PDB file of N, CA and C in Angstrom:
ATOM      1  N   MET A   1     -36.574 -23.420  32.877  1.00  0.00           N
ATOM      2  CA  MET A   1     -35.874 -24.231  31.906  1.00  0.00           C
ATOM      3  C   MET A   1     -36.617 -25.729  32.046  1.00  0.00           C
ATOM      4  N   ASP A   2     -36.660 -26.385  30.672  1.00  0.00           N
ATOM      5  CA  ASP A   2     -37.509 -27.695  30.749  1.00  0.00           C
ATOM      6  C   ASP A   2     -36.784 -28.770  31.529  1.00  0.00           C
ATOM      7  N   GLU A   3     -37.325 -29.407  32.594  1.00  0.00           N
ATOM      8  CA  GLU A   3     -36.532 -30.208  33.435  1.00  0.00           C
ATOM      9  C   GLU A   3     -37.045 -31.732  33.284  1.00  0.00           C
ATOM     10  N   LYS A   4     -37.792 -32.084  32.030  1.00  0.00           N
ATOM     11  CA  LYS A   4     -38.174 -33.448  32.019  1.00  0.00           C
ATOM     12  C   LYS A   4     -36.989 -34.183  31.583  1.00  0.00           C
ATOM     13  N   PRO A   5     -37.295 -35.544  31.727  1.00  0.00           N
ATOM     14  CA  PRO A   5     -36.129 -36.357  31.440  1.00  0.00           C
ATOM     15  C   PRO A   5     -35.726 -36.321  29.954  1.00  0.00           C
ATOM     16  N   GLY A   6     -34.500 -36.459  29.629  1.00  0.00           N
ATOM     17  CA  GLY A   6     -34.333 -36.435  28.002  1.00  0.00           C
ATOM     18  C   GLY A   6     -34.403 -34.917  27.269  1.00  0.00           C
ATOM     19  N   ALA A   7     -34.392 -33.939  28.200  1.00  0.00           N
ATOM     20  CA  ALA A   7     -34.668 -32.591  27.658  1.00  0.00           C
ATOM     21  C   ALA A   7     -33.511 -32.238  26.599  1.00  0.00           C
ATOM     22  N   VAL A   8     -33.912 -31.721  25.625  1.00  0.00           N
ATOM     23  CA  VAL A   8     -33.020 -31.161  24.530  1.00  0.00           C
ATOM     24  C   VAL A   8     -33.052 -29.838  24.376  1.00  0.00           C
ATOM     25  N   LEU A   9     -32.021 -29.120  24.411  1.00  0.00           N
ATOM     26  CA  LEU A   9     -32.094 -27.602  24.226  1.00  0.00           C
ATOM     27  C   LEU A   9     -31.471 -27.126  22.881  1.00  0.00           C
ATOM     28  N   THR A  10     -31.968 -25.917  22.432  1.00  0.00           N
ATOM     29  CA  THR A  10     -31.675 -25.410  21.273  1.00  0.00           C
ATOM     30  C   THR A  10     -30.457 -24.464  21.738  1.00  0.00           C
ATOM     31  N   ILE A  11     -29.747 -23.736  20.600  1.00  0.00           N
ATOM     32  CA  ILE A  11     -28.655 -22.891  21.058  1.00  0.00           C
ATOM     33  C   ILE A  11     -29.130 -21.626  21.821  1.00  0.00           C
ATOM     34  N   ASP A  12     -30.167 -21.311  21.579  1.00  0.00           N
ATOM     35  CA  ASP A  12     -30.754 -20.073  22.238  1.00  0.00           C
ATOM     36  C   ASP A  12     -31.178 -20.407  23.662  1.00  0.00           C
ATOM     37  N   GLU A  13     -31.701 -21.581  23.738  1.00  0.00           N
ATOM     38  CA  GLU A  13     -31.946 -22.116  25.161  1.00  0.00           C
ATOM     39  C   GLU A  13     -30.798 -22.199  26.055  1.00  0.00           C
ATOM     40  N   LEU A  14     -29.771 -22.896  25.491  1.00  0.00           N
ATOM     41  CA  LEU A  14     -28.502 -23.179  26.204  1.00  0.00           C
ATOM     42  C   LEU A  14     -27.907 -22.008  26.449  1.00  0.00           C
ATOM     43  N   SER A  15     -27.790 -20.858  25.522  1.00  0.00           N
ATOM     44  CA  SER A  15     -27.197 -19.664  25.818  1.00  0.00           C
ATOM     45  C   SER A  15     -27.796 -19.040  27.128  1.00  0.00           C
ATOM     46  N   ALA A  16     -29.102 -18.868  27.118  1.00  0.00           N
ATOM     47  CA  ALA A  16     -29.807 -18.654  28.346  1.00  0.00           C
ATOM     48  C   ALA A  16     -29.505 -19.256  29.527  1.00  0.00           C
ATOM     49  N   TYR A  17     -29.528 -20.548  29.383  1.00  0.00           N
ATOM     50  CA  TYR A  17     -29.258 -21.353  30.503  1.00  0.00           C
ATOM     51  C   TYR A  17     -27.801 -21.299  31.240  1.00  0.00           C
ATOM     52  N   LEU A  18     -26.814 -21.207  30.257  1.00  0.00           N
ATOM     53  CA  LEU A  18     -25.471 -20.927  30.658  1.00  0.00           C
ATOM     54  C   LEU A  18     -25.228 -19.502  30.973  1.00  0.00           C
ATOM     55  N   LYS A  19     -25.992 -18.593  30.609  1.00  0.00           N
ATOM     56  CA  LYS A  19     -25.802 -17.105  30.785  1.00  0.00           C
ATOM     57  C   LYS A  19     -24.508 -16.707  30.008  1.00  0.00           C
ATOM     58  N   ILE A  20     -24.337 -17.173  28.781  1.00  0.00           N
ATOM     59  CA  ILE A  20     -23.311 -16.734  27.869  1.00  0.00           C
ATOM     60  C   ILE A  20     -23.785 -16.339  26.562  1.00  0.00           C
ATOM     61  N   PRO A  21     -23.021 -15.378  25.751  1.00  0.00           N
ATOM     62  CA  PRO A  21     -23.548 -15.153  24.526  1.00  0.00           C
ATOM     63  C   PRO A  21     -23.536 -16.368  23.699  1.00  0.00           C
ATOM     64  N   LYS A  22     -24.467 -16.249  22.537  1.00  0.00           N
ATOM     65  CA  LYS A  22     -24.591 -17.426  21.564  1.00  0.00           C
ATOM     66  C   LYS A  22     -23.214 -17.498  20.766  1.00  0.00           C
ATOM     67  N   SER A  23     -22.492 -16.227  20.581  1.00  0.00           N
ATOM     68  CA  SER A  23     -21.219 -16.503  19.853  1.00  0.00           C
ATOM     69  C   SER A  23     -20.183 -17.201  20.709  1.00  0.00           C
ATOM     70  N   THR A  24     -20.187 -17.126  22.032  1.00  0.00           N
ATOM     71  CA  THR A  24     -19.208 -17.823  22.784  1.00  0.00           C
ATOM     72  C   THR A  24     -19.613 -19.334  22.639  1.00  0.00           C
ATOM     73  N   LEU A  25     -20.970 -19.602  22.617  1.00  0.00           N
ATOM     74  CA  LEU A  25     -21.374 -20.995  22.507  1.00  0.00           C
ATOM     75  C   LEU A  25     -20.929 -21.687  21.393  1.00  0.00           C
ATOM     76  N   TYR A  26     -21.205 -20.883  20.173  1.00  0.00           N
ATOM     77  CA  TYR A  26     -20.879 -21.216  18.892  1.00  0.00           C
ATOM     78  C   TYR A  26     -19.348 -21.536  18.864  1.00  0.00           C
ATOM     79  N   LYS A  27     -18.441 -20.806  19.401  1.00  0.00           N
ATOM     80  CA  LYS A  27     -17.034 -21.135  19.464  1.00  0.00           C
ATOM     81  C   LYS A  27     -16.740 -22.274  20.291  1.00  0.00           C
ATOM     82  N   LEU A  28     -17.366 -22.628  21.377  1.00  0.00           N
ATOM     83  CA  LEU A  28     -17.139 -23.860  22.058  1.00  0.00           C
ATOM     84  C   LEU A  28     -17.685 -25.022  21.321  1.00  0.00           C
ATOM     85  N   VAL A  29     -18.581 -24.832  20.544  1.00  0.00           N
ATOM     86  CA  VAL A  29     -19.172 -25.941  19.756  1.00  0.00           C
ATOM     87  C   VAL A  29     -18.019 -26.241  18.598  1.00  0.00           C
ATOM     88  N   ARG A  30     -17.625 -25.217  17.854  1.00  0.00           N
ATOM     89  CA  ARG A  30     -16.608 -25.403  16.798  1.00  0.00           C
ATOM     90  C   ARG A  30     -15.252 -26.123  17.470  1.00  0.00           C
ATOM     91  N   GLU A  31     -14.993 -25.768  18.721  1.00  0.00           N
ATOM     92  CA  GLU A  31     -13.722 -26.212  19.315  1.00  0.00           C
ATOM     93  C   GLU A  31     -13.902 -27.657  19.979  1.00  0.00           C
ATOM     94  N   GLY A  32     -15.253 -28.180  19.741  1.00  0.00           N
ATOM     95  CA  GLY A  32     -15.629 -29.398  20.299  1.00  0.00           C
ATOM     96  C   GLY A  32     -15.525 -29.552  21.754  1.00  0.00           C
ATOM     97  N   LYS A  33     -15.723 -28.395  22.522  1.00  0.00           N
ATOM     98  CA  LYS A  33     -15.522 -28.440  23.980  1.00  0.00           C
ATOM     99  C   LYS A  33     -16.840 -28.756  24.753  1.00  0.00           C
ATOM    100  N   VAL A  34     -18.022 -28.559  23.984  1.00  0.00           N
ATOM    101  CA  VAL A  34     -19.297 -28.698  24.637  1.00  0.00           C
ATOM    102  C   VAL A  34     -20.037 -29.937  23.969  1.00  0.00           C
ATOM    103  N   PRO A  35     -20.734 -30.815  24.645  1.00  0.00           N
ATOM    104  CA  PRO A  35     -21.309 -32.099  24.185  1.00  0.00           C
ATOM    105  C   PRO A  35     -22.504 -31.425  23.305  1.00  0.00           C
ATOM    106  N   CYS A  36     -22.546 -31.917  22.121  1.00  0.00           N
ATOM    107  CA  CYS A  36     -23.620 -31.433  21.179  1.00  0.00           C
ATOM    108  C   CYS A  36     -23.871 -32.526  20.037  1.00  0.00           C
ATOM    109  N   GLN A  37     -24.971 -32.364  19.336  1.00  0.00           N
ATOM    110  CA  GLN A  37     -25.183 -32.958  18.176  1.00  0.00           C
ATOM    111  C   GLN A  37     -25.798 -31.947  17.158  1.00  0.00           C
ATOM    112  N   LYS A  38     -25.393 -32.245  15.917  1.00  0.00           N
ATOM    113  CA  LYS A  38     -25.988 -31.374  14.806  1.00  0.00           C
ATOM    114  C   LYS A  38     -27.096 -32.277  14.301  1.00  0.00           C
ATOM    115  N   ILE A  39     -28.287 -31.662  14.065  1.00  0.00           N
ATOM    116  CA  ILE A  39     -29.359 -32.383  13.366  1.00  0.00           C
ATOM    117  C   ILE A  39     -29.650 -31.371  12.208  1.00  0.00           C
ATOM    118  N   GLY A  40     -29.263 -31.842  10.976  1.00  0.00           N
ATOM    119  CA  GLY A  40     -29.554 -31.064   9.805  1.00  0.00           C
ATOM    120  C   GLY A  40     -28.534 -29.802   9.931  1.00  0.00           C
ATOM    121  N   ARG A  41     -29.181 -28.654   9.939  1.00  0.00           N
ATOM    122  CA  ARG A  41     -28.366 -27.516  10.209  1.00  0.00           C
ATOM    123  C   ARG A  41     -28.559 -26.868  11.569  1.00  0.00           C
ATOM    124  N   HIS A  42     -29.122 -27.622  12.469  1.00  0.00           N
ATOM    125  CA  HIS A  42     -29.331 -27.204  13.716  1.00  0.00           C
ATOM    126  C   HIS A  42     -28.481 -28.040  14.893  1.00  0.00           C
ATOM    127  N   TRP A  43     -28.037 -27.292  15.848  1.00  0.00           N
ATOM    128  CA  TRP A  43     -27.345 -27.836  16.819  1.00  0.00           C
ATOM    129  C   TRP A  43     -28.316 -28.124  18.050  1.00  0.00           C
ATOM    130  N   ARG A  44     -28.199 -29.240  18.703  1.00  0.00           N
ATOM    131  CA  ARG A  44     -28.943 -29.475  19.809  1.00  0.00           C
ATOM    132  C   ARG A  44     -28.087 -30.087  21.004  1.00  0.00           C
ATOM    133  N   PHE A  45     -28.631 -29.841  22.089  1.00  0.00           N
ATOM    134  CA  PHE A  45     -27.655 -30.116  23.257  1.00  0.00           C
ATOM    135  C   PHE A  45     -28.609 -30.890  24.350  1.00  0.00           C
ATOM    136  N   ARG A  46     -28.158 -31.914  24.793  1.00  0.00           N
ATOM    137  CA  ARG A  46     -28.953 -32.697  25.826  1.00  0.00           C
ATOM    138  C   ARG A  46     -28.686 -31.995  27.272  1.00  0.00           C
ATOM    139  N   LYS A  47     -29.607 -31.729  27.968  1.00  0.00           N
ATOM    140  CA  LYS A  47     -29.515 -30.982  29.200  1.00  0.00           C
ATOM    141  C   LYS A  47     -28.684 -31.806  30.135  1.00  0.00           C
ATOM    142  N   VAL A  48     -28.852 -33.067  30.343  1.00  0.00           N
ATOM    143  CA  VAL A  48     -28.201 -33.930  31.200  1.00  0.00           C
ATOM    144  C   VAL A  48     -26.740 -34.032  30.828  1.00  0.00           C
ATOM    145  N   ALA A  49     -26.520 -33.960  29.485  1.00  0.00           N
ATOM    146  CA  ALA A  49     -24.963 -34.006  29.209  1.00  0.00           C
ATOM    147  C   ALA A  49     -24.284 -32.732  29.578  1.00  0.00           C
ATOM    148  N   ILE A  50     -25.197 -31.568  29.332  1.00  0.00           N
ATOM    149  CA  ILE A  50     -24.438 -30.294  29.699  1.00  0.00           C
ATOM    150  C   ILE A  50     -24.278 -30.114  31.213  1.00  0.00           C
ATOM    151  N   ASP A  51     -25.158 -30.585  31.917  1.00  0.00           N
ATOM    152  CA  ASP A  51     -25.064 -30.590  33.396  1.00  0.00           C
ATOM    153  C   ASP A  51     -23.814 -31.343  33.769  1.00  0.00           C
ATOM    154  N   ARG A  52     -23.715 -32.573  33.077  1.00  0.00           N
ATOM    155  CA  ARG A  52     -22.525 -33.362  33.503  1.00  0.00           C
ATOM    156  C   ARG A  52     -21.127 -32.664  33.106  1.00  0.00           C
ATOM    157  N   TRP A  53     -21.242 -32.049  31.824  1.00  0.00           N
ATOM    158  CA  TRP A  53     -20.078 -31.373  31.400  1.00  0.00           C
ATOM    159  C   TRP A  53     -19.737 -30.330  32.280  1.00  0.00           C
ATOM    160  N   LEU A  54     -20.672 -29.654  32.791  1.00  0.00           N
ATOM    161  CA  LEU A  54     -20.366 -28.500  33.790  1.00  0.00           C
ATOM    162  C   LEU A  54     -19.565 -28.939  35.094  1.00  0.00           C
ATOM    163  N   GLU A  55     -20.179 -30.038  35.523  1.00  0.00           N
ATOM    164  CA  GLU A  55     -19.602 -30.760  36.656  1.00  0.00           C
ATOM    165  C   GLU A  55     -18.231 -31.184  36.434  1.00  0.00           C
ATOM    166  N   GLU A  56     -18.037 -31.729  35.321  1.00  0.00           N
ATOM    167  CA  GLU A  56     -16.688 -32.232  34.999  1.00  0.00           C
ATOM    168  C   GLU A  56     -15.641 -31.350  34.799  1.00  0.00           C
ATOM    169  N   THR A  57     -15.964 -30.233  33.938  1.00  0.00           N
ATOM    170  CA  THR A  57     -14.985 -29.309  33.349  1.00  0.00           C
ATOM    171  C   THR A  57     -15.100 -27.953  34.363  1.00  0.00           C
ATOM    172  N   HIS A  58     -16.117 -27.741  35.110  1.00  0.00           N
ATOM    173  CA  HIS A  58     -16.128 -26.411  35.802  1.00  0.00           C
ATOM    174  C   HIS A  58     -16.563 -26.677  37.305  1.00  0.00           C
ATOM    175  N   GLY A  59     -16.570 -27.896  37.706  1.00  0.00           N
ATOM    176  CA  GLY A  59     -17.057 -28.216  39.039  1.00  0.00           C
ATOM    177  C   GLY A  59     -15.956 -27.791  40.167  1.00  0.00           C
ATOM    178  N   ASP A  60     -14.645 -27.912  39.819  1.00  0.00           N
ATOM    179  CA  ASP A  60     -13.520 -27.548  40.707  1.00  0.00           C
ATOM    180  C   ASP A  60     -13.249 -26.227  40.615  1.00  0.00           C
ATOM    181  N   THR A  61     -13.757 -25.375  41.592  1.00  0.00           N
ATOM    182  CA  THR A  61     -13.369 -23.907  41.547  1.00  0.00           C
ATOM    183  C   THR A  61     -12.186 -23.512  42.273  1.00  0.00           C
ATOM    184  N   THR A  62     -11.320 -24.550  42.734  1.00  0.00           N
ATOM    185  CA  THR A  62     -10.017 -24.121  43.332  1.00  0.00           C
ATOM    186  C   THR A  62      -9.070 -23.540  42.369  1.00  0.00           C
ATOM    187  N   ASN A  63      -8.620 -22.425  42.859  1.00  0.00           N
ATOM    188  CA  ASN A  63      -7.465 -21.734  42.147  1.00  0.00           C
ATOM    189  C   ASN A  63      -7.998 -21.148  40.710  1.00  0.00           C
ATOM    190  N   ARG A  64      -9.271 -20.830  40.769  1.00  0.00           N
ATOM    191  CA  ARG A  64      -9.869 -20.349  39.565  1.00  0.00           C
ATOM    192  C   ARG A  64     -10.106 -18.855  39.735  1.00  0.00           C
ATOM    193  N   GLN A  65     -10.327 -18.195  38.673  1.00  0.00           N
ATOM    194  CA  GLN A  65     -10.452 -16.714  38.872  1.00  0.00           C
ATOM    195  C   GLN A  65     -11.758 -16.265  39.235  1.00  0.00           C
ATOM    196  N   ASP A  66     -11.733 -15.365  40.090  1.00  0.00           N
ATOM    197  CA  ASP A  66     -13.118 -14.716  40.691  1.00  0.00           C
ATOM    198  C   ASP A  66     -13.456 -13.825  39.686  1.00  0.00           C
ATOM    199  N   SER A  67     -14.409 -14.140  38.720  1.00  0.00           N
ATOM    200  CA  SER A  67     -14.849 -13.323  37.580  1.00  0.00           C
ATOM    201  C   SER A  67     -15.517 -11.910  37.971  1.00  0.00           C
ATOM    202  N   ARG A  68     -15.911 -11.836  39.127  1.00  0.00           N
ATOM    203  CA  ARG A  68     -16.538 -10.541  39.598  1.00  0.00           C
ATOM    204  C   ARG A  68     -15.477  -9.586  39.873  1.00  0.00           C
ATOM    205  N   PHE A  69     -14.226 -10.057  40.274  1.00  0.00           N
ATOM    206  CA  PHE A  69     -13.098  -9.217  40.739  1.00  0.00           C
ATOM    207  C   PHE A  69     -12.055  -9.436  39.851  1.00  0.00           C
ATOM    208  N   GLY A  70     -11.963 -10.264  39.094  1.00  0.00           N
ATOM    209  CA  GLY A  70     -10.840 -10.335  38.020  1.00  0.00           C
ATOM    210  C   GLY A  70      -9.562 -10.696  38.746  1.00  0.00           C
ATOM    211  N   ARG A  71      -9.647 -11.646  39.855  1.00  0.00           N
ATOM    212  CA  ARG A  71      -8.558 -11.920  40.478  1.00  0.00           C
ATOM    213  C   ARG A  71      -8.712 -13.390  40.872  1.00  0.00           C
ATOM    214  N   ALA A  72      -7.426 -14.007  41.051  1.00  0.00           N
ATOM    215  CA  ALA A  72      -7.486 -15.526  41.331  1.00  0.00           C
ATOM    216  C   ALA A  72      -7.785 -15.693  42.817  1.00  0.00           C
ATOM    217  N   GLU A  73      -8.356 -16.780  43.247  1.00  0.00           N
ATOM    218  CA  GLU A  73      -8.597 -17.154  44.699  1.00  0.00           C
ATOM    219  C   GLU A  73      -7.319 -16.988  45.454  1.00  0.00           C
ATOM    220  N   GLY A  74      -7.358 -16.118  46.454  1.00  0.00           N
ATOM    221  CA  GLY A  74      -6.098 -16.086  47.314  1.00  0.00           C
ATOM    222  C   GLY A  74      -5.139 -15.041  46.885  1.00  0.00           C
ATOM    223  N   THR A  75      -5.378 -14.312  45.883  1.00  0.00           N
ATOM    224  CA  THR A  75      -4.832 -13.115  45.416  1.00  0.00           C
ATOM    225  C   THR A  75      -5.236 -11.928  46.076  1.00  0.00           C
ATOM    226  N   PRO A  76      -4.235 -11.095  46.710  1.00  0.00           N
ATOM    227  CA  PRO A  76      -4.502 -10.039  47.471  1.00  0.00           C
ATOM    228  C   PRO A  76      -5.307  -8.999  46.551  1.00  0.00           C
ATOM    229  N   GLU A  77      -6.270  -8.230  47.106  1.00  0.00           N
ATOM    230  CA  GLU A  77      -7.076  -7.456  46.590  1.00  0.00           C
ATOM    231  C   GLU A  77      -6.243  -6.351  45.739  1.00  0.00           C
ATOM    232  N   GLY A  78      -6.718  -5.970  44.500  1.00  0.00           N
ATOM    233  CA  GLY A  78      -5.980  -5.136  43.593  1.00  0.00           C
ATOM    234  C   GLY A  78      -4.698  -5.797  43.075  1.00  0.00           C
ATOM    235  N   ARG A  79      -4.473  -6.891  42.942  1.00  0.00           N
ATOM    236  CA  ARG A  79      -3.219  -7.638  42.496  1.00  0.00           C
ATOM    237  C   ARG A  79      -3.514  -8.672  41.507  1.00  0.00           C
ATOM    238  N   GLY A  80      -4.888  -8.644  40.938  1.00  0.00           N
ATOM    239  CA  GLY A  80      -5.147  -9.648  39.978  1.00  0.00           C
ATOM    240  C   GLY A  80      -4.549  -9.340  38.618  1.00  0.00           C
ATOM    241  N   PRO A  81      -4.841 -10.284  37.609  1.00  0.00           N
ATOM    242  CA  PRO A  81      -4.321 -10.038  36.173  1.00  0.00           C
ATOM    243  C   PRO A  81      -4.594  -8.762  35.749  1.00  0.00           C
ATOM    244  N   GLY A  82      -3.653  -8.135  35.044  1.00  0.00           N
ATOM    245  CA  GLY A  82      -3.795  -6.918  34.488  1.00  0.00           C
ATOM    246  C   GLY A  82      -3.520  -5.786  35.476  1.00  0.00           C
ATOM    247  N   LYS A  83      -3.183  -5.990  36.675  1.00  0.00           N
ATOM    248  CA  LYS A  83      -2.893  -5.053  37.796  1.00  0.00           C
ATOM    249  C   LYS A  83      -1.503  -4.901  37.673  1.00  0.00           C
ATOM    250  N   ALA A  84      -0.913  -3.869  37.475  1.00  0.00           N
ATOM    251  CA  ALA A  84       0.578  -3.564  37.542  1.00  0.00           C
ATOM    252  C   ALA A  84       1.027  -3.024  39.073  1.00  0.00           C
ATOM    253  N   ARG A  85       2.148  -3.829  39.354  1.00  0.00           N
ATOM    254  CA  ARG A  85       2.827  -3.191  40.617  1.00  0.00           C
ATOM    255  C   ARG A  85       3.257  -1.717  40.475  1.00  0.00           C
ATOM    256  N   VAL A  86       2.964  -0.974  41.362  1.00  0.00           N
ATOM    257  CA  VAL A  86       3.633   0.482  41.214  1.00  0.00           C
ATOM    258  C   VAL A  86       4.562   0.798  42.420  1.00  0.00           C
TER     259      VAL A  86
END
């Protein structure tokens, strides 16, 4: 990824950087949840603003779901969301 000061990313580059589908990124843009600018018909993202946004909105991992296992931190194994008690 381009690390020079003032780096600006395209939607394709940001999708790769965040490792999320472009469709998810477009949804976040529509909802105003990700810092961006529209230039003509194209969305552009300042890498420094994205990094700051990640820290501010996703930096605290306390009580967040462990995406690899589908369970919240501290939840016993096999008792995460969608797991019924038997």
